[in-house]
Amino acid sequence: MGYTPSVEMRHESNLVTRVVGVAKGQVVCVIEGVRAELSTEINNPHHNDEKQGRYVFVGGEMWEPNNLLAPAFPSFMFMHVRNLGSKHKYMTDDELLFNLA
């Protein structure tokens, strides 16, 4: 489950439709069709006062390495992503494709 401060999201929260999980610079999980909601006890079992005012991404279809033979498996799974730090980063589809190696 991903969290981000609502102040940082501003108007971008409605634009997020995909969450990409990256480990050691490599795409290992893709969740397509997510939507951002403000974190509450109802939609986030890990909600507490520290997460007040943060968005949580819910819904969508998750793709993992075990789904390799499934139709519509993301073509960029297992690719490396350049220009990532240790924090979350928002990218457009074009930026993501540009940063794939």
PDB file of N, CA and C in Angstrom:
ATOM      1  N   MET A   1       0.842  -1.153   0.000  1.00  0.00           N
ATOM      2  CA  MET A   1       0.000   0.000   0.000  1.00  0.00           C
ATOM      3  C   MET A   1       0.896   1.227   0.000  1.00  0.00           C
ATOM      4  N   GLY A   2       0.662   2.174  -0.899  1.00  0.00           N
ATOM      5  CA  GLY A   2       1.501   3.347  -0.993  1.00  0.00           C
ATOM      6  C   GLY A   2       0.865   4.558  -0.352  1.00  0.00           C
ATOM      7  N   TYR A   3       1.667   5.366   0.331  1.00  0.00           N
ATOM      8  CA  TYR A   3       1.169   6.574   0.970  1.00  0.00           C
ATOM      9  C   TYR A   3       1.917   7.767   0.410  1.00  0.00           C
ATOM     10  N   THR A   4       1.247   8.898   0.360  1.00  0.00           N
ATOM     11  CA  THR A   4       1.915  10.127   0.000  1.00  0.00           C
ATOM     12  C   THR A   4       1.151  11.292   0.612  1.00  0.00           C
ATOM     13  N   PRO A   5       1.855  12.340   1.069  1.00  0.00           N
ATOM     14  CA  PRO A   5       1.150  13.481   1.647  1.00  0.00           C
ATOM     15  C   PRO A   5       0.241  14.146   0.622  1.00  0.00           C
ATOM     16  N   SER A   6      -0.956  14.529   1.056  1.00  0.00           N
ATOM     17  CA  SER A   6      -1.902  15.151   0.133  1.00  0.00           C
ATOM     18  C   SER A   6      -1.391  16.495  -0.359  1.00  0.00           C
ATOM     19  N   VAL A   7      -0.566  17.169   0.439  1.00  0.00           N
ATOM     20  CA  VAL A   7      -0.007  18.447   0.013  1.00  0.00           C
ATOM     21  C   VAL A   7       0.872  18.254  -1.218  1.00  0.00           C
ATOM     22  N   GLU A   8       1.630  17.153  -1.260  1.00  0.00           N
ATOM     23  CA  GLU A   8       2.502  16.887  -2.403  1.00  0.00           C
ATOM     24  C   GLU A   8       1.704  16.495  -3.641  1.00  0.00           C
ATOM     25  N   MET A   9       0.567  15.845  -3.444  1.00  0.00           N
ATOM     26  CA  MET A   9      -0.212  15.342  -4.574  1.00  0.00           C
ATOM     27  C   MET A   9      -0.942  16.456  -5.312  1.00  0.00           C
ATOM     28  N   ARG A  10      -1.512  17.398  -4.584  1.00  0.00           N
ATOM     29  CA  ARG A  10      -2.302  18.497  -5.137  1.00  0.00           C
ATOM     30  C   ARG A  10      -3.313  17.970  -6.133  1.00  0.00           C
ATOM     31  N   HIS A  11      -3.234  18.398  -7.373  1.00  0.00           N
ATOM     32  CA  HIS A  11      -4.204  17.983  -8.378  1.00  0.00           C
ATOM     33  C   HIS A  11      -3.788  16.710  -9.109  1.00  0.00           C
ATOM     34  N   GLU A  12      -2.624  16.186  -8.797  1.00  0.00           N
ATOM     35  CA  GLU A  12      -2.105  15.018  -9.495  1.00  0.00           C
ATOM     36  C   GLU A  12      -2.763  13.716  -9.044  1.00  0.00           C
ATOM     37  N   SER A  13      -3.425  13.712  -7.905  1.00  0.00           N
ATOM     38  CA  SER A  13      -3.962  12.464  -7.361  1.00  0.00           C
ATOM     39  C   SER A  13      -4.950  11.796  -8.302  1.00  0.00           C
ATOM     40  N   ASN A  14      -5.746  12.565  -9.002  1.00  0.00           N
ATOM     41  CA  ASN A  14      -6.714  11.977  -9.929  1.00  0.00           C
ATOM     42  C   ASN A  14      -6.060  11.448 -11.196  1.00  0.00           C
ATOM     43  N   LEU A  15      -4.809  11.807 -11.433  1.00  0.00           N
ATOM     44  CA  LEU A  15      -4.113  11.371 -12.636  1.00  0.00           C
ATOM     45  C   LEU A  15      -3.407  10.032 -12.463  1.00  0.00           C
ATOM     46  N   VAL A  16      -3.186   9.611 -11.224  1.00  0.00           N
ATOM     47  CA  VAL A  16      -2.458   8.368 -10.961  1.00  0.00           C
ATOM     48  C   VAL A  16      -3.360   7.179 -11.283  1.00  0.00           C
ATOM     49  N   THR A  17      -2.906   6.327 -12.196  1.00  0.00           N
ATOM     50  CA  THR A  17      -3.666   5.116 -12.551  1.00  0.00           C
ATOM     51  C   THR A  17      -2.808   3.867 -12.449  1.00  0.00           C
ATOM     52  N   ARG A  18      -1.513   4.050 -12.206  1.00  0.00           N
ATOM     53  CA  ARG A  18      -0.601   2.897 -12.153  1.00  0.00           C
ATOM     54  C   ARG A  18       0.406   3.100 -11.026  1.00  0.00           C
ATOM     55  N   VAL A  19       0.651   2.031 -10.279  1.00  0.00           N
ATOM     56  CA  VAL A  19       1.701   2.027  -9.268  1.00  0.00           C
ATOM     57  C   VAL A  19       2.699   0.953  -9.689  1.00  0.00           C
ATOM     58  N   VAL A  20       3.981   1.324  -9.737  1.00  0.00           N
ATOM     59  CA  VAL A  20       5.027   0.405 -10.151  1.00  0.00           C
ATOM     60  C   VAL A  20       5.919   0.135  -8.938  1.00  0.00           C
ATOM     61  N   GLY A  21       6.061  -1.137  -8.586  1.00  0.00           N
ATOM     62  CA  GLY A  21       6.940  -1.530  -7.499  1.00  0.00           C
ATOM     63  C   GLY A  21       8.326  -1.820  -8.038  1.00  0.00           C
ATOM     64  N   VAL A  22       9.331  -1.215  -7.444  1.00  0.00           N
ATOM     65  CA  VAL A  22      10.707  -1.360  -7.913  1.00  0.00           C
ATOM     66  C   VAL A  22      11.573  -1.847  -6.754  1.00  0.00           C
ATOM     67  N   ALA A  23      12.368  -2.878  -6.996  1.00  0.00           N
ATOM     68  CA  ALA A  23      13.330  -3.382  -6.024  1.00  0.00           C
ATOM     69  C   ALA A  23      14.695  -3.445  -6.679  1.00  0.00           C
ATOM     70  N   LYS A  24      15.675  -2.801  -6.051  1.00  0.00           N
ATOM     71  CA  LYS A  24      17.033  -2.744  -6.585  1.00  0.00           C
ATOM     72  C   LYS A  24      17.047  -2.256  -8.030  1.00  0.00           C
ATOM     73  N   GLY A  25      16.176  -1.263  -8.319  1.00  0.00           N
ATOM     74  CA  GLY A  25      16.150  -0.646  -9.634  1.00  0.00           C
ATOM     75  C   GLY A  25      15.383  -1.403 -10.694  1.00  0.00           C
ATOM     76  N   GLN A  26      14.772  -2.516 -10.350  1.00  0.00           N
ATOM     77  CA  GLN A  26      14.078  -3.359 -11.331  1.00  0.00           C
ATOM     78  C   GLN A  26      12.580  -3.407 -11.023  1.00  0.00           C
ATOM     79  N   VAL A  27      11.749  -3.321 -12.072  1.00  0.00           N
ATOM     80  CA  VAL A  27      10.302  -3.399 -11.909  1.00  0.00           C
ATOM     81  C   VAL A  27       9.936  -4.828 -11.505  1.00  0.00           C
ATOM     82  N   VAL A  28       9.271  -4.968 -10.349  1.00  0.00           N
ATOM     83  CA  VAL A  28       8.903  -6.293  -9.847  1.00  0.00           C
ATOM     84  C   VAL A  28       7.401  -6.451  -9.640  1.00  0.00           C
ATOM     85  N   CYS A  29       6.655  -5.350  -9.730  1.00  0.00           N
ATOM     86  CA  CYS A  29       5.211  -5.408  -9.512  1.00  0.00           C
ATOM     87  C   CYS A  29       4.582  -4.208 -10.202  1.00  0.00           C
ATOM     88  N   VAL A  30       3.442  -4.408 -10.824  1.00  0.00           N
ATOM     89  CA  VAL A  30       2.706  -3.327 -11.469  1.00  0.00           C
ATOM     90  C   VAL A  30       1.239  -3.461 -11.069  1.00  0.00           C
ATOM     91  N   ILE A  31       0.647  -2.362 -10.628  1.00  0.00           N
ATOM     92  CA  ILE A  31      -0.777  -2.347 -10.320  1.00  0.00           C
ATOM     93  C   ILE A  31      -1.424  -1.318 -11.233  1.00  0.00           C
ATOM     94  N   GLU A  32      -2.265  -1.789 -12.131  1.00  0.00           N
ATOM     95  CA  GLU A  32      -2.945  -0.940 -13.114  1.00  0.00           C
ATOM     96  C   GLU A  32      -4.354  -0.628 -12.628  1.00  0.00           C
ATOM     97  N   GLY A  33      -4.821   0.581 -12.886  1.00  0.00           N
ATOM     98  CA  GLY A  33      -6.203   0.943 -12.590  1.00  0.00           C
ATOM     99  C   GLY A  33      -6.452   1.364 -11.155  1.00  0.00           C
ATOM    100  N   VAL A  34      -5.441   1.904 -10.471  1.00  0.00           N
ATOM    101  CA  VAL A  34      -5.625   2.342  -9.093  1.00  0.00           C
ATOM    102  C   VAL A  34      -6.298   3.710  -9.055  1.00  0.00           C
ATOM    103  N   ARG A  35      -6.815   4.055  -7.884  1.00  0.00           N
ATOM    104  CA  ARG A  35      -7.336   5.402  -7.661  1.00  0.00           C
ATOM    105  C   ARG A  35      -6.846   5.868  -6.298  1.00  0.00           C
ATOM    106  N   ALA A  36      -6.679   7.161  -6.139  1.00  0.00           N
ATOM    107  CA  ALA A  36      -6.193   7.730  -4.884  1.00  0.00           C
ATOM    108  C   ALA A  36      -7.372   8.149  -4.014  1.00  0.00           C
ATOM    109  N   GLU A  37      -7.315   7.783  -2.742  1.00  0.00           N
ATOM    110  CA  GLU A  37      -8.313   8.203  -1.759  1.00  0.00           C
ATOM    111  C   GLU A  37      -7.563   8.674  -0.520  1.00  0.00           C
ATOM    112  N   LEU A  38      -8.153   9.643   0.186  1.00  0.00           N
ATOM    113  CA  LEU A  38      -7.559  10.044   1.454  1.00  0.00           C
ATOM    114  C   LEU A  38      -7.610   8.868   2.411  1.00  0.00           C
ATOM    115  N   SER A  39      -6.524   8.635   3.111  1.00  0.00           N
ATOM    116  CA  SER A  39      -6.418   7.500   4.021  1.00  0.00           C
ATOM    117  C   SER A  39      -7.386   7.645   5.195  1.00  0.00           C
ATOM    118  N   THR A  40      -8.141   6.565   5.476  1.00  0.00           N
ATOM    119  CA  THR A  40      -9.043   6.494   6.624  1.00  0.00           C
ATOM    120  C   THR A  40      -8.925   5.098   7.227  1.00  0.00           C
ATOM    121  N   GLU A  41      -9.584   4.902   8.350  1.00  0.00           N
ATOM    122  CA  GLU A  41      -9.600   3.574   8.966  1.00  0.00           C
ATOM    123  C   GLU A  41     -10.340   2.571   8.085  1.00  0.00           C
ATOM    124  N   ILE A  42     -11.241   3.055   7.258  1.00  0.00           N
ATOM    125  CA  ILE A  42     -12.056   2.185   6.414  1.00  0.00           C
ATOM    126  C   ILE A  42     -11.255   1.612   5.248  1.00  0.00           C
ATOM    127  N   ASN A  43     -10.475   2.447   4.556  1.00  0.00           N
ATOM    128  CA  ASN A  43      -9.769   1.979   3.359  1.00  0.00           C
ATOM    129  C   ASN A  43      -8.308   1.625   3.605  1.00  0.00           C
ATOM    130  N   ASN A  44      -7.820   1.805   4.850  1.00  0.00           N
ATOM    131  CA  ASN A  44      -6.419   1.551   5.139  1.00  0.00           C
ATOM    132  C   ASN A  44      -6.284   0.916   6.523  1.00  0.00           C
ATOM    133  N   PRO A  45      -6.037  -0.380   6.588  1.00  0.00           N
ATOM    134  CA  PRO A  45      -5.917  -1.033   7.893  1.00  0.00           C
ATOM    135  C   PRO A  45      -4.731  -0.534   8.718  1.00  0.00           C
ATOM    136  N   HIS A  46      -3.773   0.145   8.102  1.00  0.00           N
ATOM    137  CA  HIS A  46      -2.592   0.657   8.803  1.00  0.00           C
ATOM    138  C   HIS A  46      -2.719   2.141   9.129  1.00  0.00           C
ATOM    139  N   HIS A  47      -3.924   2.702   8.984  1.00  0.00           N
ATOM    140  CA  HIS A  47      -4.132   4.135   9.216  1.00  0.00           C
ATOM    141  C   HIS A  47      -3.891   4.488  10.681  1.00  0.00           C
ATOM    142  N   ASN A  48      -3.211   5.612  10.906  1.00  0.00           N
ATOM    143  CA  ASN A  48      -3.045   6.175  12.247  1.00  0.00           C
ATOM    144  C   ASN A  48      -2.914   7.682  12.091  1.00  0.00           C
ATOM    145  N   ASP A  49      -2.662   8.384  13.191  1.00  0.00           N
ATOM    146  CA  ASP A  49      -2.594   9.847  13.138  1.00  0.00           C
ATOM    147  C   ASP A  49      -1.489  10.358  12.215  1.00  0.00           C
ATOM    148  N   GLU A  50      -0.408   9.615  12.072  1.00  0.00           N
ATOM    149  CA  GLU A  50       0.681  10.031  11.190  1.00  0.00           C
ATOM    150  C   GLU A  50       0.258  10.029   9.722  1.00  0.00           C
ATOM    151  N   LYS A  51      -0.712   9.208   9.376  1.00  0.00           N
ATOM    152  CA  LYS A  51      -1.152   9.091   7.989  1.00  0.00           C
ATOM    153  C   LYS A  51      -2.349   9.982   7.679  1.00  0.00           C
ATOM    154  N   GLN A  52      -2.784  10.790   8.646  1.00  0.00           N
ATOM    155  CA  GLN A  52      -3.890  11.709   8.436  1.00  0.00           C
ATOM    156  C   GLN A  52      -3.514  12.700   7.340  1.00  0.00           C
ATOM    157  N   GLY A  53      -4.392  12.895   6.369  1.00  0.00           N
ATOM    158  CA  GLY A  53      -4.120  13.824   5.275  1.00  0.00           C
ATOM    159  C   GLY A  53      -3.267  13.238   4.171  1.00  0.00           C
ATOM    160  N   ARG A  54      -3.036  11.939   4.183  1.00  0.00           N
ATOM    161  CA  ARG A  54      -2.264  11.281   3.128  1.00  0.00           C
ATOM    162  C   ARG A  54      -3.198  10.493   2.228  1.00  0.00           C
ATOM    163  N   TYR A  55      -2.766  10.294   1.006  1.00  0.00           N
ATOM    164  CA  TYR A  55      -3.523   9.479   0.066  1.00  0.00           C
ATOM    165  C   TYR A  55      -3.044   8.039   0.129  1.00  0.00           C
ATOM    166  N   VAL A  56      -3.953   7.130  -0.111  1.00  0.00           N
ATOM    167  CA  VAL A  56      -3.633   5.717  -0.246  1.00  0.00           C
ATOM    168  C   VAL A  56      -4.189   5.300  -1.609  1.00  0.00           C
ATOM    169  N   PHE A  57      -3.452   4.486  -2.326  1.00  0.00           N
ATOM    170  CA  PHE A  57      -3.892   4.026  -3.642  1.00  0.00           C
ATOM    171  C   PHE A  57      -4.603   2.697  -3.480  1.00  0.00           C
ATOM    172  N   VAL A  58      -5.840   2.623  -3.979  1.00  0.00           N
ATOM    173  CA  VAL A  58      -6.671   1.432  -3.788  1.00  0.00           C
ATOM    174  C   VAL A  58      -7.175   0.924  -5.138  1.00  0.00           C
ATOM    175  N   GLY A  59      -7.583  -0.342  -5.141  1.00  0.00           N
ATOM    176  CA  GLY A  59      -8.157  -0.953  -6.337  1.00  0.00           C
ATOM    177  C   GLY A  59      -7.093  -1.347  -7.339  1.00  0.00           C
ATOM    178  N   GLY A  60      -7.545  -1.655  -8.524  1.00  0.00           N
ATOM    179  CA  GLY A  60      -6.644  -1.992  -9.603  1.00  0.00           C
ATOM    180  C   GLY A  60      -6.367  -3.474  -9.728  1.00  0.00           C
ATOM    181  N   GLU A  61      -5.667  -3.806 -10.782  1.00  0.00           N
ATOM    182  CA  GLU A  61      -5.280  -5.187 -11.072  1.00  0.00           C
ATOM    183  C   GLU A  61      -3.773  -5.313 -10.902  1.00  0.00           C
ATOM    184  N   MET A  62      -3.354  -6.246 -10.064  1.00  0.00           N
ATOM    185  CA  MET A  62      -1.934  -6.396  -9.757  1.00  0.00           C
ATOM    186  C   MET A  62      -1.285  -7.451 -10.643  1.00  0.00           C
ATOM    187  N   TRP A  63      -0.106  -7.102 -11.148  1.00  0.00           N
ATOM    188  CA  TRP A  63       0.695  -8.009 -11.964  1.00  0.00           C
ATOM    189  C   TRP A  63       1.992  -8.293 -11.231  1.00  0.00           C
ATOM    190  N   GLU A  64       2.282  -9.564 -11.041  1.00  0.00           N
ATOM    191  CA  GLU A  64       3.514 -10.011 -10.399  1.00  0.00           C
ATOM    192  C   GLU A  64       4.225 -10.980 -11.340  1.00  0.00           C
ATOM    193  N   PRO A  65       5.474 -11.340 -11.037  1.00  0.00           N
ATOM    194  CA  PRO A  65       6.191 -12.284 -11.900  1.00  0.00           C
ATOM    195  C   PRO A  65       5.442 -13.599 -12.140  1.00  0.00           C
ATOM    196  N   ASN A  66       4.629 -14.044 -11.192  1.00  0.00           N
ATOM    197  CA  ASN A  66       3.877 -15.290 -11.370  1.00  0.00           C
ATOM    198  C   ASN A  66       2.825 -15.204 -12.473  1.00  0.00           C
ATOM    199  N   ASN A  67       2.477 -13.990 -12.904  1.00  0.00           N
ATOM    200  CA  ASN A  67       1.467 -13.780 -13.937  1.00  0.00           C
ATOM    201  C   ASN A  67       2.082 -13.671 -15.331  1.00  0.00           C
ATOM    202  N   LEU A  68       3.293 -14.143 -15.489  1.00  0.00           N
ATOM    203  CA  LEU A  68       4.052 -13.961 -16.724  1.00  0.00           C
ATOM    204  C   LEU A  68       3.291 -14.375 -17.976  1.00  0.00           C
ATOM    205  N   LEU A  69       2.527 -15.449 -17.936  1.00  0.00           N
ATOM    206  CA  LEU A  69       1.832 -15.952 -19.120  1.00  0.00           C
ATOM    207  C   LEU A  69       0.434 -15.380 -19.289  1.00  0.00           C
ATOM    208  N   ALA A  70      -0.004 -14.530 -18.375  1.00  0.00           N
ATOM    209  CA  ALA A  70      -1.349 -13.956 -18.451  1.00  0.00           C
ATOM    210  C   ALA A  70      -1.440 -12.927 -19.572  1.00  0.00           C
ATOM    211  N   PRO A  71      -2.616 -12.815 -20.203  1.00  0.00           N
ATOM    212  CA  PRO A  71      -2.793 -11.778 -21.222  1.00  0.00           C
ATOM    213  C   PRO A  71      -2.673 -10.394 -20.571  1.00  0.00           C
ATOM    214  N   ALA A  72      -2.220  -9.448 -21.298  1.00  0.00           N
ATOM    215  CA  ALA A  72      -2.058  -8.059 -20.861  1.00  0.00           C
ATOM    216  C   ALA A  72      -0.963  -7.884 -19.810  1.00  0.00           C
ATOM    217  N   PHE A  73      -0.042  -8.850 -19.700  1.00  0.00           N
ATOM    218  CA  PHE A  73       1.086  -8.726 -18.780  1.00  0.00           C
ATOM    219  C   PHE A  73       1.922  -7.517 -19.202  1.00  0.00           C
ATOM    220  N   PRO A  74       2.257  -6.620 -18.280  1.00  0.00           N
ATOM    221  CA  PRO A  74       3.000  -5.404 -18.647  1.00  0.00           C
ATOM    222  C   PRO A  74       4.331  -5.719 -19.337  1.00  0.00           C
ATOM    223  N   SER A  75       4.564  -5.059 -20.437  1.00  0.00           N
ATOM    224  CA  SER A  75       5.769  -5.328 -21.226  1.00  0.00           C
ATOM    225  C   SER A  75       7.041  -4.831 -20.543  1.00  0.00           C
ATOM    226  N   PHE A  76       6.909  -3.902 -19.602  1.00  0.00           N
ATOM    227  CA  PHE A  76       8.097  -3.353 -18.951  1.00  0.00           C
ATOM    228  C   PHE A  76       8.437  -4.046 -17.630  1.00  0.00           C
ATOM    229  N   MET A  77       7.726  -5.125 -17.307  1.00  0.00           N
ATOM    230  CA  MET A  77       8.059  -5.896 -16.097  1.00  0.00           C
ATOM    231  C   MET A  77       9.479  -6.427 -16.231  1.00  0.00           C
ATOM    232  N   PHE A  78      10.214  -6.439 -15.162  1.00  0.00           N
ATOM    233  CA  PHE A  78      11.603  -6.904 -15.053  1.00  0.00           C
ATOM    234  C   PHE A  78      12.620  -5.935 -15.650  1.00  0.00           C
ATOM    235  N   MET A  79      12.171  -4.846 -16.258  1.00  0.00           N
ATOM    236  CA  MET A  79      13.124  -3.874 -16.799  1.00  0.00           C
ATOM    237  C   MET A  79      13.671  -3.016 -15.659  1.00  0.00           C
ATOM    238  N   HIS A  80      14.813  -2.405 -15.884  1.00  0.00           N
ATOM    239  CA  HIS A  80      15.422  -1.528 -14.892  1.00  0.00           C
ATOM    240  C   HIS A  80      14.953  -0.099 -15.130  1.00  0.00           C
ATOM    241  N   VAL A  81      14.804   0.637 -14.032  1.00  0.00           N
ATOM    242  CA  VAL A  81      14.354   2.029 -14.094  1.00  0.00           C
ATOM    243  C   VAL A  81      15.504   2.915 -13.635  1.00  0.00           C
ATOM    244  N   ARG A  82      15.864   3.880 -14.477  1.00  0.00           N
ATOM    245  CA  ARG A  82      16.938   4.830 -14.150  1.00  0.00           C
ATOM    246  C   ARG A  82      16.350   6.009 -13.372  1.00  0.00           C
ATOM    247  N   ASN A  83      17.209   6.790 -12.781  1.00  0.00           N
ATOM    248  CA  ASN A  83      16.860   8.057 -12.124  1.00  0.00           C
ATOM    249  C   ASN A  83      15.891   7.892 -10.964  1.00  0.00           C
ATOM    250  N   LEU A  84      16.059   6.830 -10.185  1.00  0.00           N
ATOM    251  CA  LEU A  84      15.231   6.645  -8.999  1.00  0.00           C
ATOM    252  C   LEU A  84      16.066   6.830  -7.746  1.00  0.00           C
ATOM    253  N   GLY A  85      15.468   7.462  -6.750  1.00  0.00           N
ATOM    254  CA  GLY A  85      16.081   7.559  -5.434  1.00  0.00           C
ATOM    255  C   GLY A  85      15.386   6.593  -4.502  1.00  0.00           C
ATOM    256  N   SER A  86      15.523   6.833  -3.210  1.00  0.00           N
ATOM    257  CA  SER A  86      14.909   5.938  -2.228  1.00  0.00           C
ATOM    258  C   SER A  86      13.468   6.317  -1.915  1.00  0.00           C
ATOM    259  N   LYS A  87      13.017   7.481  -2.373  1.00  0.00           N
ATOM    260  CA  LYS A  87      11.641   7.907  -2.114  1.00  0.00           C
ATOM    261  C   LYS A  87      10.763   7.623  -3.327  1.00  0.00           C
ATOM    262  N   HIS A  88       9.441   7.754  -3.092  1.00  0.00           N
ATOM    263  CA  HIS A  88       8.523   7.563  -4.210  1.00  0.00           C
ATOM    264  C   HIS A  88       8.710   8.675  -5.237  1.00  0.00           C
ATOM    265  N   LYS A  89       8.316   8.403  -6.460  1.00  0.00           N
ATOM    266  CA  LYS A  89       8.485   9.371  -7.545  1.00  0.00           C
ATOM    267  C   LYS A  89       7.292   9.254  -8.473  1.00  0.00           C
ATOM    268  N   TYR A  90       6.769  10.374  -8.886  1.00  0.00           N
ATOM    269  CA  TYR A  90       5.649  10.386  -9.819  1.00  0.00           C
ATOM    270  C   TYR A  90       6.175  10.644 -11.218  1.00  0.00           C
ATOM    271  N   MET A  91       5.752   9.815 -12.173  1.00  0.00           N
ATOM    272  CA  MET A  91       6.190   9.953 -13.558  1.00  0.00           C
ATOM    273  C   MET A  91       4.979   9.804 -14.476  1.00  0.00           C
ATOM    274  N   THR A  92       5.030  10.497 -15.572  1.00  0.00           N
ATOM    275  CA  THR A  92       4.042  10.263 -16.616  1.00  0.00           C
ATOM    276  C   THR A  92       4.422   8.970 -17.328  1.00  0.00           C
ATOM    277  N   ASP A  93       3.538   8.461 -18.165  1.00  0.00           N
ATOM    278  CA  ASP A  93       3.862   7.261 -18.942  1.00  0.00           C
ATOM    279  C   ASP A  93       5.091   7.496 -19.809  1.00  0.00           C
ATOM    280  N   ASP A  94       5.185   8.687 -20.404  1.00  0.00           N
ATOM    281  CA  ASP A  94       6.338   9.009 -21.252  1.00  0.00           C
ATOM    282  C   ASP A  94       7.640   9.025 -20.445  1.00  0.00           C
ATOM    283  N   GLU A  95       7.593   9.608 -19.241  1.00  0.00           N
ATOM    284  CA  GLU A  95       8.789   9.632 -18.394  1.00  0.00           C
ATOM    285  C   GLU A  95       9.194   8.220 -17.978  1.00  0.00           C
ATOM    286  N   LEU A  96       8.205   7.381 -17.653  1.00  0.00           N
ATOM    287  CA  LEU A  96       8.506   6.007 -17.283  1.00  0.00           C
ATOM    288  C   LEU A  96       9.183   5.280 -18.437  1.00  0.00           C
ATOM    289  N   LEU A  97       8.617   5.382 -19.620  1.00  0.00           N
ATOM    290  CA  LEU A  97       9.196   4.694 -20.776  1.00  0.00           C
ATOM    291  C   LEU A  97      10.590   5.222 -21.085  1.00  0.00           C
ATOM    292  N   PHE A  98      10.803   6.528 -20.908  1.00  0.00           N
ATOM    293  CA  PHE A  98      12.118   7.125 -21.156  1.00  0.00           C
ATOM    294  C   PHE A  98      13.158   6.596 -20.163  1.00  0.00           C
ATOM    295  N   ASN A  99      12.739   6.365 -18.903  1.00  0.00           N
ATOM    296  CA  ASN A  99      13.662   5.930 -17.853  1.00  0.00           C
ATOM    297  C   ASN A  99      13.843   4.434 -17.765  1.00  0.00           C
ATOM    298  N   LEU A 100      13.152   3.666 -18.595  1.00  0.00           N
ATOM    299  CA  LEU A 100      13.360   2.213 -18.598  1.00  0.00           C
ATOM    300  C   LEU A 100      14.632   1.866 -19.340  1.00  0.00           C
ATOM    301  N   ALA A 101      15.374   0.899 -18.810  1.00  0.00           N
ATOM    302  CA  ALA A 101      16.622   0.494 -19.465  1.00  0.00           C
ATOM    303  C   ALA A 101      16.530  -0.967 -19.846  1.00  0.00           C
TER     304      ALA A 101
END
